[in-house]
Amino acid sequence: MPRFLSRLAVAGTAVALTAGLVTPSAAQAAAVPSGRVRALAWAALGDSYTAGVIEATGDETAPRDGCARTTGSYPEVIRRDLGGLVDLRNVSCGGATVKDVYQTKGAPSGRPLPPFGTDPDAPFAPVPPQIDAVPPGADLITVGIGGNTLGFAEILKSCIELGATNLGRGTPCKDTFDASLPDRLNQLRGDYDQMLGALHAKAPSARLLAVGYPHLVPEDATRCTYGSLEQFATFTTGDLAWARTAILEPLNAIIAQRTTAHGDTFVDLYPSTADHSVCDQDHWLDGVLTSIIPLHYALVHPNAEGQAHAAALVEDAILG
């Protein structure tokens, strides 16, 4: 646990580290006569950017319920780093929407695998709302969610298809989806408020960290290569620039605004990943494919480096 041990040396004691996470009374209860600390009850919630999902983030963890949580996802990296300091319940799930966190059952699709593109064990049974895994006495909740509420996967697929039809010219995806974005963003804003309220009602003493999304598209979209399956395939340059400014940045802004309004902590991955987008040489996110030979799907998700970076920032926020 090198990161944890270095923090421990600076702080002096494990109790001092833990005090920033819990209320004074809880901190007092956590300190036992032996000087050890009660493991913090932590629930990790979210979508595929939390769960990991793709092969580039390791093997799937048990139980194999279609949510495709992986060994290299940031909750699992932090679990290994902090060891006995945390008692993690990781119920993040690929494909989850904001409502799947606090209200509805999720419909997991598993991990996309070549050569057919769908999980051979699909279909999977619905999974409970993620809030069900949050104990009333939870000390810490992390949640990374929002993209699926905006319909990001649907938009990505359509942009690739429309870009191919238009031979890389213009902004056919913007022309198709731009008018619907205000309603989608308003839906996200309302759902996010409902989710945060429900999580605080379920675990009143928990500290809540909301995790944003990294820099998928570079500031200069011309750095992306049209037709590259290891980037955005046939997404047009104009549509990539539109997706960054009209979808990704407003998505992060809403998460940050609503999180702050509820008195919670926003973990911003966006600035520090600016030079590590899908189209950068040192990319922390993979494109449509991680690799062509062998064929590994990514569907525009963080790879192991991206998850490790998220783990570092979330762990910094946890340790305070």
C-alpha atoms as a PDB file:
ATOM      1  CA  MET A   1       0.000   0.000   0.000  1.00  0.00           C
ATOM      2  CA  PRO A   2       2.634   2.587  -0.984  1.00  0.00           C
ATOM      3  CA  ARG A   3       0.296   5.590  -1.402  1.00  0.00           C
ATOM      4  CA  PHE A   4      -1.532   4.857   1.813  1.00  0.00           C
ATOM      5  CA  LEU A   5       1.624   4.271   3.817  1.00  0.00           C
ATOM      6  CA  SER A   6       3.145   7.528   2.636  1.00  0.00           C
ATOM      7  CA  ARG A   7      -0.002   9.382   3.726  1.00  0.00           C
ATOM      8  CA  LEU A   8       0.041   7.535   7.031  1.00  0.00           C
ATOM      9  CA  ALA A   9       3.594   8.639   7.682  1.00  0.00           C
ATOM     10  CA  VAL A  10       2.662  12.258   7.050  1.00  0.00           C
ATOM     11  CA  ALA A  11      -0.531  12.164   9.102  1.00  0.00           C
ATOM     12  CA  GLY A  12       0.981  10.312  12.029  1.00  0.00           C
ATOM     13  CA  THR A  13      -1.832   7.885  12.723  1.00  0.00           C
ATOM     14  CA  ALA A  14      -4.579   6.042  10.870  1.00  0.00           C
ATOM     15  CA  VAL A  15      -7.120   7.685  13.141  1.00  0.00           C
ATOM     16  CA  ALA A  16      -6.011  11.113  11.953  1.00  0.00           C
ATOM     17  CA  LEU A  17      -6.535  10.038   8.356  1.00  0.00           C
ATOM     18  CA  THR A  18      -9.951   8.660   9.080  1.00  0.00           C
ATOM     19  CA  ALA A  19     -11.190  11.713  10.957  1.00  0.00           C
ATOM     20  CA  GLY A  20     -11.619  13.652   7.716  1.00  0.00           C
ATOM     21  CA  LEU A  21     -14.010  11.022   6.382  1.00  0.00           C
ATOM     22  CA  VAL A  22     -16.492  10.744   9.218  1.00  0.00           C
ATOM     23  CA  THR A  23     -18.203  12.834  11.828  1.00  0.00           C
ATOM     24  CA  PRO A  24     -16.366  13.399  15.147  1.00  0.00           C
ATOM     25  CA  SER A  25     -18.623  10.946  16.967  1.00  0.00           C
ATOM     26  CA  ALA A  26     -18.077   8.315  14.293  1.00  0.00           C
ATOM     27  CA  ALA A  27     -14.346   8.918  14.386  1.00  0.00           C
ATOM     28  CA  GLN A  28     -14.345   8.363  18.130  1.00  0.00           C
ATOM     29  CA  ALA A  29     -16.308   5.145  17.705  1.00  0.00           C
ATOM     30  CA  ALA A  30     -13.887   3.992  14.995  1.00  0.00           C
ATOM     31  CA  ALA A  31     -10.867   4.192  17.309  1.00  0.00           C
ATOM     32  CA  VAL A  32     -10.638   0.975  19.291  1.00  0.00           C
ATOM     33  CA  PRO A  33      -8.332   0.348  22.278  1.00  0.00           C
ATOM     34  CA  SER A  34      -5.776  -1.441  20.103  1.00  0.00           C
ATOM     35  CA  GLY A  35      -5.294   1.753  18.120  1.00  0.00           C
ATOM     36  CA  ARG A  36      -6.693   0.196  14.996  1.00  0.00           C
ATOM     37  CA  VAL A  37      -9.406   1.776  12.883  1.00  0.00           C
ATOM     38  CA  ARG A  38     -12.784   0.295  12.043  1.00  0.00           C
ATOM     39  CA  ALA A  39     -12.946  -0.294   8.311  1.00  0.00           C
ATOM     40  CA  LEU A  40     -14.907   2.478   6.653  1.00  0.00           C
ATOM     41  CA  ALA A  41     -18.115   1.244   5.041  1.00  0.00           C
ATOM     42  CA  TRP A  42     -17.781   2.381   1.412  1.00  0.00           C
ATOM     43  CA  ALA A  43     -20.324   1.922  -1.379  1.00  0.00           C
ATOM     44  CA  ALA A  44     -19.030   2.473  -4.932  1.00  0.00           C
ATOM     45  CA  LEU A  45     -21.832   3.252  -7.373  1.00  0.00           C
ATOM     46  CA  GLY A  46     -21.773   4.173 -11.038  1.00  0.00           C
ATOM     47  CA  ASP A  47     -21.720   3.151 -14.682  1.00  0.00           C
ATOM     48  CA  SER A  48     -19.120   1.509 -16.918  1.00  0.00           C
ATOM     49  CA  TYR A  49     -16.584   4.300 -16.312  1.00  0.00           C
ATOM     50  CA  THR A  50     -16.565   3.143 -12.689  1.00  0.00           C
ATOM     51  CA  ALA A  51     -17.107  -0.579 -13.285  1.00  0.00           C
ATOM     52  CA  GLY A  52     -14.290  -0.911 -15.829  1.00  0.00           C
ATOM     53  CA  VAL A  53     -16.080  -3.298 -18.207  1.00  0.00           C
ATOM     54  CA  ILE A  54     -13.476  -3.605 -20.983  1.00  0.00           C
ATOM     55  CA  GLU A  55     -10.670  -6.146 -21.234  1.00  0.00           C
ATOM     56  CA  ALA A  56      -8.098  -3.347 -21.014  1.00  0.00           C
ATOM     57  CA  THR A  57      -9.053  -2.937 -17.334  1.00  0.00           C
ATOM     58  CA  GLY A  58      -8.516  -6.544 -16.326  1.00  0.00           C
ATOM     59  CA  ASP A  59     -10.552  -9.613 -15.500  1.00  0.00           C
ATOM     60  CA  GLU A  60     -14.120  -9.459 -14.255  1.00  0.00           C
ATOM     61  CA  THR A  61     -14.717  -9.714 -10.545  1.00  0.00           C
ATOM     62  CA  ALA A  62     -17.284 -11.955  -8.874  1.00  0.00           C
ATOM     63  CA  PRO A  63     -20.212 -12.182  -8.929  1.00  0.00           C
ATOM     64  CA  ARG A  64     -20.524 -12.233 -12.721  1.00  0.00           C
ATOM     65  CA  ASP A  65     -23.916 -10.565 -12.972  1.00  0.00           C
ATOM     66  CA  GLY A  66     -23.470  -8.770 -16.281  1.00  0.00           C
ATOM     67  CA  CYS A  67     -22.253  -5.516 -14.732  1.00  0.00           C
ATOM     68  CA  ALA A  68     -18.681  -6.324 -15.840  1.00  0.00           C
ATOM     69  CA  ARG A  69     -16.813  -4.892 -12.864  1.00  0.00           C
ATOM     70  CA  THR A  70     -13.106  -5.435 -13.422  1.00  0.00           C
ATOM     71  CA  THR A  71      -9.986  -5.862 -11.323  1.00  0.00           C
ATOM     72  CA  GLY A  72      -8.437  -2.693 -12.767  1.00  0.00           C
ATOM     73  CA  SER A  73     -11.409  -0.400 -12.160  1.00  0.00           C
ATOM     74  CA  TYR A  74     -10.727   2.501  -9.816  1.00  0.00           C
ATOM     75  CA  PRO A  75     -12.767   1.170  -6.850  1.00  0.00           C
ATOM     76  CA  GLU A  76     -10.836  -2.104  -6.978  1.00  0.00           C
ATOM     77  CA  VAL A  77      -7.489  -0.299  -7.317  1.00  0.00           C
ATOM     78  CA  ILE A  78      -8.323   1.792  -4.244  1.00  0.00           C
ATOM     79  CA  ARG A  79      -9.552  -1.282  -2.368  1.00  0.00           C
ATOM     80  CA  ARG A  80      -6.141  -2.899  -2.858  1.00  0.00           C
ATOM     81  CA  ASP A  81      -4.294   0.306  -1.999  1.00  0.00           C
ATOM     82  CA  LEU A  82      -6.169   1.053   1.211  1.00  0.00           C
ATOM     83  CA  GLY A  83      -6.504  -2.546   2.304  1.00  0.00           C
ATOM     84  CA  GLY A  84      -8.225  -2.954   5.651  1.00  0.00           C
ATOM     85  CA  LEU A  85      -9.025   0.749   5.948  1.00  0.00           C
ATOM     86  CA  VAL A  86     -12.130   0.287   3.781  1.00  0.00           C
ATOM     87  CA  ASP A  87     -14.932  -2.250   3.520  1.00  0.00           C
ATOM     88  CA  LEU A  88     -16.011  -1.814  -0.106  1.00  0.00           C
ATOM     89  CA  ARG A  89     -19.355  -2.711  -1.645  1.00  0.00           C
ATOM     90  CA  ASN A  90     -18.830  -2.155  -5.365  1.00  0.00           C
ATOM     91  CA  VAL A  91     -22.129  -2.340  -7.268  1.00  0.00           C
ATOM     92  CA  SER A  92     -21.213  -0.135 -10.218  1.00  0.00           C
ATOM     93  CA  CYS A  93     -22.621  -1.500 -13.450  1.00  0.00           C
ATOM     94  CA  GLY A  94     -22.018  -1.052 -17.143  1.00  0.00           C
ATOM     95  CA  GLY A  95     -24.943   0.674 -18.834  1.00  0.00           C
ATOM     96  CA  ALA A  96     -26.360   2.148 -15.614  1.00  0.00           C
ATOM     97  CA  THR A  97     -28.336   5.379 -15.690  1.00  0.00           C
ATOM     98  CA  VAL A  98     -28.772   7.840 -12.829  1.00  0.00           C
ATOM     99  CA  LYS A  99     -32.203   6.352 -12.095  1.00  0.00           C
ATOM    100  CA  ASP A 100     -30.599   2.895 -11.880  1.00  0.00           C
ATOM    101  CA  VAL A 101     -28.679   4.194  -8.878  1.00  0.00           C
ATOM    102  CA  TYR A 102     -31.631   5.362  -6.789  1.00  0.00           C
ATOM    103  CA  GLN A 103     -34.847   3.973  -8.282  1.00  0.00           C
ATOM    104  CA  THR A 104     -34.922   1.403 -11.099  1.00  0.00           C
ATOM    105  CA  LYS A 105     -33.465  -2.029 -11.683  1.00  0.00           C
ATOM    106  CA  GLY A 106     -30.489  -2.111 -14.037  1.00  0.00           C
ATOM    107  CA  ALA A 107     -30.368  -4.180 -17.212  1.00  0.00           C
ATOM    108  CA  PRO A 108     -26.715  -5.243 -17.498  1.00  0.00           C
ATOM    109  CA  SER A 109     -25.442  -6.417 -20.866  1.00  0.00           C
ATOM    110  CA  GLY A 110     -22.107  -7.887 -19.776  1.00  0.00           C
ATOM    111  CA  ARG A 111     -18.789  -7.347 -21.474  1.00  0.00           C
ATOM    112  CA  PRO A 112     -18.605  -7.032 -25.273  1.00  0.00           C
ATOM    113  CA  LEU A 113     -16.311  -9.727 -26.590  1.00  0.00           C
ATOM    114  CA  PRO A 114     -15.115 -10.585 -30.097  1.00  0.00           C
ATOM    115  CA  PRO A 115     -15.938 -12.008 -32.538  1.00  0.00           C
ATOM    116  CA  PHE A 116     -19.666 -11.426 -32.005  1.00  0.00           C
ATOM    117  CA  GLY A 117     -19.586  -8.208 -30.005  1.00  0.00           C
ATOM    118  CA  THR A 118     -21.968  -9.348 -27.259  1.00  0.00           C
ATOM    119  CA  ASP A 119     -21.365 -11.238 -24.043  1.00  0.00           C
ATOM    120  CA  PRO A 120     -21.836 -14.975 -24.639  1.00  0.00           C
ATOM    121  CA  ASP A 121     -23.583 -15.291 -21.252  1.00  0.00           C
ATOM    122  CA  ALA A 122     -26.197 -12.651 -22.043  1.00  0.00           C
ATOM    123  CA  PRO A 123     -28.998 -12.005 -21.314  1.00  0.00           C
ATOM    124  CA  PHE A 124     -28.436 -11.320 -17.630  1.00  0.00           C
ATOM    125  CA  ALA A 125     -31.071 -10.926 -14.943  1.00  0.00           C
ATOM    126  CA  PRO A 126     -31.928  -7.373 -13.848  1.00  0.00           C
ATOM    127  CA  VAL A 127     -29.890  -6.067 -10.926  1.00  0.00           C
ATOM    128  CA  PRO A 128     -31.371  -4.124  -7.959  1.00  0.00           C
ATOM    129  CA  PRO A 129     -31.103  -0.334  -7.754  1.00  0.00           C
ATOM    130  CA  GLN A 130     -27.581   0.392  -6.603  1.00  0.00           C
ATOM    131  CA  ILE A 131     -28.807   2.289  -3.562  1.00  0.00           C
ATOM    132  CA  ASP A 132     -29.924  -1.054  -2.106  1.00  0.00           C
ATOM    133  CA  ALA A 133     -26.259  -1.881  -1.456  1.00  0.00           C
ATOM    134  CA  VAL A 134     -25.693   1.298   0.584  1.00  0.00           C
ATOM    135  CA  PRO A 135     -25.918   0.481   4.297  1.00  0.00           C
ATOM    136  CA  PRO A 136     -27.659   3.121   6.450  1.00  0.00           C
ATOM    137  CA  GLY A 137     -24.445   3.446   8.445  1.00  0.00           C
ATOM    138  CA  ALA A 138     -22.215   3.949   5.397  1.00  0.00           C
ATOM    139  CA  ASP A 139     -19.239   6.242   5.964  1.00  0.00           C
ATOM    140  CA  LEU A 140     -18.448   6.905   2.300  1.00  0.00           C
ATOM    141  CA  ILE A 141     -20.288   6.820  -1.017  1.00  0.00           C
ATOM    142  CA  THR A 142     -18.625   7.366  -4.383  1.00  0.00           C
ATOM    143  CA  VAL A 143     -20.729   7.672  -7.513  1.00  0.00           C
ATOM    144  CA  GLY A 144     -19.729   8.140 -11.138  1.00  0.00           C
ATOM    145  CA  ILE A 145     -22.827   8.331 -13.326  1.00  0.00           C
ATOM    146  CA  GLY A 146     -24.624  10.441 -15.919  1.00  0.00           C
ATOM    147  CA  GLY A 147     -23.484   9.566 -19.436  1.00  0.00           C
ATOM    148  CA  ASN A 148     -26.112   6.919 -20.050  1.00  0.00           C
ATOM    149  CA  THR A 149     -28.882   9.257 -18.908  1.00  0.00           C
ATOM    150  CA  LEU A 150     -27.827  11.535 -21.759  1.00  0.00           C
ATOM    151  CA  GLY A 151     -27.873   8.554 -24.138  1.00  0.00           C
ATOM    152  CA  PHE A 152     -24.135   8.667 -24.784  1.00  0.00           C
ATOM    153  CA  ALA A 153     -23.922   5.146 -26.234  1.00  0.00           C
ATOM    154  CA  GLU A 154     -26.825   5.833 -28.602  1.00  0.00           C
ATOM    155  CA  ILE A 155     -25.248   9.105 -29.748  1.00  0.00           C
ATOM    156  CA  LEU A 156     -21.814   7.497 -30.207  1.00  0.00           C
ATOM    157  CA  LYS A 157     -23.241   4.725 -32.384  1.00  0.00           C
ATOM    158  CA  SER A 158     -25.285   7.156 -34.465  1.00  0.00           C
ATOM    159  CA  CYS A 159     -22.367   9.560 -34.931  1.00  0.00           C
ATOM    160  CA  ILE A 160     -20.198   6.753 -36.271  1.00  0.00           C
ATOM    161  CA  GLU A 161     -22.911   5.627 -38.691  1.00  0.00           C
ATOM    162  CA  LEU A 162     -23.774   9.158 -39.837  1.00  0.00           C
ATOM    163  CA  GLY A 163     -20.115  10.053 -40.243  1.00  0.00           C
ATOM    164  CA  ALA A 164     -19.615   7.058 -42.521  1.00  0.00           C
ATOM    165  CA  THR A 165     -22.667   7.957 -44.583  1.00  0.00           C
ATOM    166  CA  ASN A 166     -21.371  11.525 -44.995  1.00  0.00           C
ATOM    167  CA  LEU A 167     -17.820  10.327 -45.759  1.00  0.00           C
ATOM    168  CA  GLY A 168     -16.410  12.339 -42.868  1.00  0.00           C
ATOM    169  CA  ARG A 169     -17.883  15.660 -43.934  1.00  0.00           C
ATOM    170  CA  GLY A 170     -19.905  18.156 -41.921  1.00  0.00           C
ATOM    171  CA  THR A 171     -21.708  17.669 -38.623  1.00  0.00           C
ATOM    172  CA  PRO A 172     -24.461  15.116 -39.333  1.00  0.00           C
ATOM    173  CA  CYS A 173     -24.630  13.978 -35.707  1.00  0.00           C
ATOM    174  CA  LYS A 174     -24.945  17.509 -34.378  1.00  0.00           C
ATOM    175  CA  ASP A 175     -27.668  18.126 -36.936  1.00  0.00           C
ATOM    176  CA  THR A 176     -29.534  15.041 -35.664  1.00  0.00           C
ATOM    177  CA  PHE A 177     -29.166  15.378 -31.899  1.00  0.00           C
ATOM    178  CA  ASP A 178     -28.478  19.026 -31.060  1.00  0.00           C
ATOM    179  CA  ALA A 179     -32.131  19.986 -30.661  1.00  0.00           C
ATOM    180  CA  SER A 180     -32.717  17.176 -28.143  1.00  0.00           C
ATOM    181  CA  LEU A 181     -29.792  18.069 -25.867  1.00  0.00           C
ATOM    182  CA  PRO A 182     -31.531  20.699 -23.688  1.00  0.00           C
ATOM    183  CA  ASP A 183     -34.206  18.159 -22.682  1.00  0.00           C
ATOM    184  CA  ARG A 184     -31.590  15.455 -22.107  1.00  0.00           C
ATOM    185  CA  LEU A 185     -29.498  17.773 -19.929  1.00  0.00           C
ATOM    186  CA  ASN A 186     -32.559  18.895 -17.965  1.00  0.00           C
ATOM    187  CA  GLN A 187     -33.459  15.244 -17.357  1.00  0.00           C
ATOM    188  CA  LEU A 188     -29.944  14.595 -16.106  1.00  0.00           C
ATOM    189  CA  ARG A 189     -30.074  17.618 -13.798  1.00  0.00           C
ATOM    190  CA  GLY A 190     -33.340  16.528 -12.223  1.00  0.00           C
ATOM    191  CA  ASP A 191     -32.342  12.874 -11.904  1.00  0.00           C
ATOM    192  CA  TYR A 192     -29.000  13.802 -10.336  1.00  0.00           C
ATOM    193  CA  ASP A 193     -30.721  15.920  -7.692  1.00  0.00           C
ATOM    194  CA  GLN A 194     -33.110  13.076  -6.927  1.00  0.00           C
ATOM    195  CA  MET A 195     -30.227  10.607  -6.673  1.00  0.00           C
ATOM    196  CA  LEU A 196     -28.165  12.722  -4.279  1.00  0.00           C
ATOM    197  CA  GLY A 197     -31.192  13.330  -2.093  1.00  0.00           C
ATOM    198  CA  ALA A 198     -32.005   9.627  -1.990  1.00  0.00           C
ATOM    199  CA  LEU A 199     -28.427   8.661  -1.121  1.00  0.00           C
ATOM    200  CA  HIS A 200     -28.286  11.159   1.745  1.00  0.00           C
ATOM    201  CA  ALA A 201     -31.636   9.932   3.032  1.00  0.00           C
ATOM    202  CA  LYS A 202     -30.373   6.335   2.956  1.00  0.00           C
ATOM    203  CA  ALA A 203     -27.035   7.053   4.654  1.00  0.00           C
ATOM    204  CA  PRO A 204     -27.290  10.404   6.481  1.00  0.00           C
ATOM    205  CA  SER A 205     -23.777  10.332   7.924  1.00  0.00           C
ATOM    206  CA  ALA A 206     -21.974   9.303   4.747  1.00  0.00           C
ATOM    207  CA  ARG A 207     -19.508  11.534   2.969  1.00  0.00           C
ATOM    208  CA  LEU A 208     -20.369  11.582  -0.738  1.00  0.00           C
ATOM    209  CA  LEU A 209     -17.894  11.964  -3.608  1.00  0.00           C
ATOM    210  CA  ALA A 210     -19.269  12.442  -7.133  1.00  0.00           C
ATOM    211  CA  VAL A 211     -16.774  11.495  -9.832  1.00  0.00           C
ATOM    212  CA  GLY A 212     -16.824  13.297 -13.181  1.00  0.00           C
ATOM    213  CA  TYR A 213     -15.809  12.112 -16.638  1.00  0.00           C
ATOM    214  CA  PRO A 214     -12.362  12.377 -18.233  1.00  0.00           C
ATOM    215  CA  HIS A 215     -11.315  14.186 -21.414  1.00  0.00           C
ATOM    216  CA  LEU A 216     -12.554  11.835 -24.142  1.00  0.00           C
ATOM    217  CA  VAL A 217     -12.097  14.217 -27.085  1.00  0.00           C
ATOM    218  CA  PRO A 218      -9.012  16.442 -27.436  1.00  0.00           C
ATOM    219  CA  GLU A 219      -9.360  20.219 -27.463  1.00  0.00           C
ATOM    220  CA  ASP A 220      -8.288  20.088 -31.117  1.00  0.00           C
ATOM    221  CA  ALA A 221     -10.483  17.426 -32.730  1.00  0.00           C
ATOM    222  CA  THR A 222      -8.323  17.440 -35.865  1.00  0.00           C
ATOM    223  CA  ARG A 223      -5.843  15.351 -33.863  1.00  0.00           C
ATOM    224  CA  CYS A 224      -8.271  12.451 -34.278  1.00  0.00           C
ATOM    225  CA  THR A 225      -7.867  10.276 -37.371  1.00  0.00           C
ATOM    226  CA  TYR A 226     -11.041   9.719 -39.352  1.00  0.00           C
ATOM    227  CA  GLY A 227     -11.694   6.000 -39.857  1.00  0.00           C
ATOM    228  CA  SER A 228      -9.405   4.795 -37.066  1.00  0.00           C
ATOM    229  CA  LEU A 229     -11.116   2.045 -35.083  1.00  0.00           C
ATOM    230  CA  GLU A 230      -8.678   2.638 -32.258  1.00  0.00           C
ATOM    231  CA  GLN A 231     -10.042   6.165 -32.011  1.00  0.00           C
ATOM    232  CA  PHE A 232     -13.578   7.303 -32.920  1.00  0.00           C
ATOM    233  CA  ALA A 233     -13.917   5.351 -36.192  1.00  0.00           C
ATOM    234  CA  THR A 234     -15.972   7.415 -38.674  1.00  0.00           C
ATOM    235  CA  PHE A 235     -17.048  10.176 -36.299  1.00  0.00           C
ATOM    236  CA  THR A 236     -16.540  13.442 -38.236  1.00  0.00           C
ATOM    237  CA  THR A 237     -14.132  16.068 -36.937  1.00  0.00           C
ATOM    238  CA  GLY A 238     -16.946  18.575 -36.618  1.00  0.00           C
ATOM    239  CA  ASP A 239     -19.092  16.163 -34.643  1.00  0.00           C
ATOM    240  CA  LEU A 240     -16.219  15.362 -32.291  1.00  0.00           C
ATOM    241  CA  ALA A 241     -15.756  19.058 -31.489  1.00  0.00           C
ATOM    242  CA  TRP A 242     -19.519  19.362 -30.964  1.00  0.00           C
ATOM    243  CA  ALA A 243     -19.626  16.303 -28.690  1.00  0.00           C
ATOM    244  CA  ARG A 244     -16.883  17.741 -26.480  1.00  0.00           C
ATOM    245  CA  THR A 245     -18.466  21.183 -26.032  1.00  0.00           C
ATOM    246  CA  ALA A 246     -22.169  20.291 -26.207  1.00  0.00           C
ATOM    247  CA  ILE A 247     -22.244  16.925 -24.386  1.00  0.00           C
ATOM    248  CA  LEU A 248     -19.148  16.096 -22.344  1.00  0.00           C
ATOM    249  CA  GLU A 249     -18.429  19.495 -20.835  1.00  0.00           C
ATOM    250  CA  PRO A 250     -22.085  20.240 -19.944  1.00  0.00           C
ATOM    251  CA  LEU A 251     -22.312  16.734 -18.451  1.00  0.00           C
ATOM    252  CA  ASN A 252     -19.405  17.466 -16.116  1.00  0.00           C
ATOM    253  CA  ALA A 253     -20.735  20.931 -15.362  1.00  0.00           C
ATOM    254  CA  ILE A 254     -24.118  19.586 -14.248  1.00  0.00           C
ATOM    255  CA  ILE A 255     -22.510  16.942 -12.056  1.00  0.00           C
ATOM    256  CA  ALA A 256     -20.257  19.561 -10.468  1.00  0.00           C
ATOM    257  CA  GLN A 257     -23.099  22.046  -9.943  1.00  0.00           C
ATOM    258  CA  ARG A 258     -25.566  19.622  -8.402  1.00  0.00           C
ATOM    259  CA  THR A 259     -22.892  17.997  -6.246  1.00  0.00           C
ATOM    260  CA  THR A 260     -21.813  21.350  -4.847  1.00  0.00           C
ATOM    261  CA  ALA A 261     -25.438  22.374  -4.285  1.00  0.00           C
ATOM    262  CA  HIS A 262     -25.922  19.311  -2.073  1.00  0.00           C
ATOM    263  CA  GLY A 263     -22.779  20.063  -0.069  1.00  0.00           C
ATOM    264  CA  ASP A 264     -20.856  17.119  -1.514  1.00  0.00           C
ATOM    265  CA  THR A 265     -17.410  16.767  -3.106  1.00  0.00           C
ATOM    266  CA  PHE A 266     -16.864  16.736  -6.869  1.00  0.00           C
ATOM    267  CA  VAL A 267     -13.841  14.772  -8.104  1.00  0.00           C
ATOM    268  CA  ASP A 268     -12.945  16.456 -11.400  1.00  0.00           C
ATOM    269  CA  LEU A 269     -11.093  14.152 -13.800  1.00  0.00           C
ATOM    270  CA  TYR A 270     -11.392  16.481 -16.786  1.00  0.00           C
ATOM    271  CA  PRO A 271      -8.470  18.955 -16.468  1.00  0.00           C
ATOM    272  CA  SER A 272      -5.802  16.393 -15.608  1.00  0.00           C
ATOM    273  CA  THR A 273      -6.748  14.125 -18.529  1.00  0.00           C
ATOM    274  CA  ALA A 274      -6.634  16.867 -21.189  1.00  0.00           C
ATOM    275  CA  ASP A 275      -3.557  15.453 -22.920  1.00  0.00           C
ATOM    276  CA  HIS A 276      -4.610  11.827 -22.520  1.00  0.00           C
ATOM    277  CA  SER A 277      -7.766  11.664 -24.645  1.00  0.00           C
ATOM    278  CA  VAL A 278      -8.647   8.838 -27.008  1.00  0.00           C
ATOM    279  CA  CYS A 279      -6.705  10.593 -29.786  1.00  0.00           C
ATOM    280  CA  ASP A 280      -3.508  11.354 -27.846  1.00  0.00           C
ATOM    281  CA  GLN A 281      -0.419   9.180 -28.119  1.00  0.00           C
ATOM    282  CA  ASP A 282      -0.360   8.689 -24.345  1.00  0.00           C
ATOM    283  CA  HIS A 283      -4.070   7.942 -24.176  1.00  0.00           C
ATOM    284  CA  TRP A 284      -5.793   6.944 -20.970  1.00  0.00           C
ATOM    285  CA  LEU A 285      -8.978   6.083 -22.842  1.00  0.00           C
ATOM    286  CA  ASP A 286      -9.318   3.631 -25.693  1.00  0.00           C
ATOM    287  CA  GLY A 287     -11.484   4.220 -28.731  1.00  0.00           C
ATOM    288  CA  VAL A 288     -13.949   1.875 -30.392  1.00  0.00           C
ATOM    289  CA  LEU A 289     -11.307  -0.851 -30.151  1.00  0.00           C
ATOM    290  CA  THR A 290      -8.387  -1.272 -27.800  1.00  0.00           C
ATOM    291  CA  SER A 291      -6.627  -3.284 -30.472  1.00  0.00           C
ATOM    292  CA  ILE A 292      -7.437  -4.797 -33.844  1.00  0.00           C
ATOM    293  CA  ILE A 293      -5.111  -7.803 -33.568  1.00  0.00           C
ATOM    294  CA  PRO A 294      -6.044  -9.323 -31.225  1.00  0.00           C
ATOM    295  CA  LEU A 295      -9.549  -7.902 -31.463  1.00  0.00           C
ATOM    296  CA  HIS A 296     -10.494  -6.206 -28.186  1.00  0.00           C
ATOM    297  CA  TYR A 297     -13.462  -3.891 -27.805  1.00  0.00           C
ATOM    298  CA  ALA A 298     -13.282  -0.665 -25.799  1.00  0.00           C
ATOM    299  CA  LEU A 299     -16.293   1.352 -26.991  1.00  0.00           C
ATOM    300  CA  VAL A 300     -14.620   4.572 -25.760  1.00  0.00           C
ATOM    301  CA  HIS A 301     -13.749   3.748 -22.143  1.00  0.00           C
ATOM    302  CA  PRO A 302     -10.826   4.378 -19.792  1.00  0.00           C
ATOM    303  CA  ASN A 303      -8.046   1.814 -20.053  1.00  0.00           C
ATOM    304  CA  ALA A 304      -5.897   0.636 -17.147  1.00  0.00           C
ATOM    305  CA  GLU A 305      -3.936   3.916 -17.079  1.00  0.00           C
ATOM    306  CA  GLY A 306      -7.154   5.925 -17.062  1.00  0.00           C
ATOM    307  CA  GLN A 307      -8.615   3.888 -14.225  1.00  0.00           C
ATOM    308  CA  ALA A 308      -5.373   4.175 -12.241  1.00  0.00           C
ATOM    309  CA  HIS A 309      -5.446   7.950 -12.664  1.00  0.00           C
ATOM    310  CA  ALA A 310      -9.065   8.091 -11.520  1.00  0.00           C
ATOM    311  CA  ALA A 311      -8.109   5.926  -8.541  1.00  0.00           C
ATOM    312  CA  ALA A 312      -5.360   8.358  -7.559  1.00  0.00           C
ATOM    313  CA  LEU A 313      -7.683  11.381  -7.625  1.00  0.00           C
ATOM    314  CA  VAL A 314     -10.553   9.612  -5.856  1.00  0.00           C
ATOM    315  CA  GLU A 315      -8.163   8.248  -3.231  1.00  0.00           C
ATOM    316  CA  ASP A 316      -6.776  11.746  -2.676  1.00  0.00           C
ATOM    317  CA  ALA A 317     -10.337  12.930  -2.066  1.00  0.00           C
ATOM    318  CA  ILE A 318     -11.062  10.020   0.278  1.00  0.00           C
ATOM    319  CA  LEU A 319      -7.981  10.650   2.362  1.00  0.00           C
ATOM    320  CA  GLY A 320      -8.732  14.358   2.322  1.00  0.00           C
END
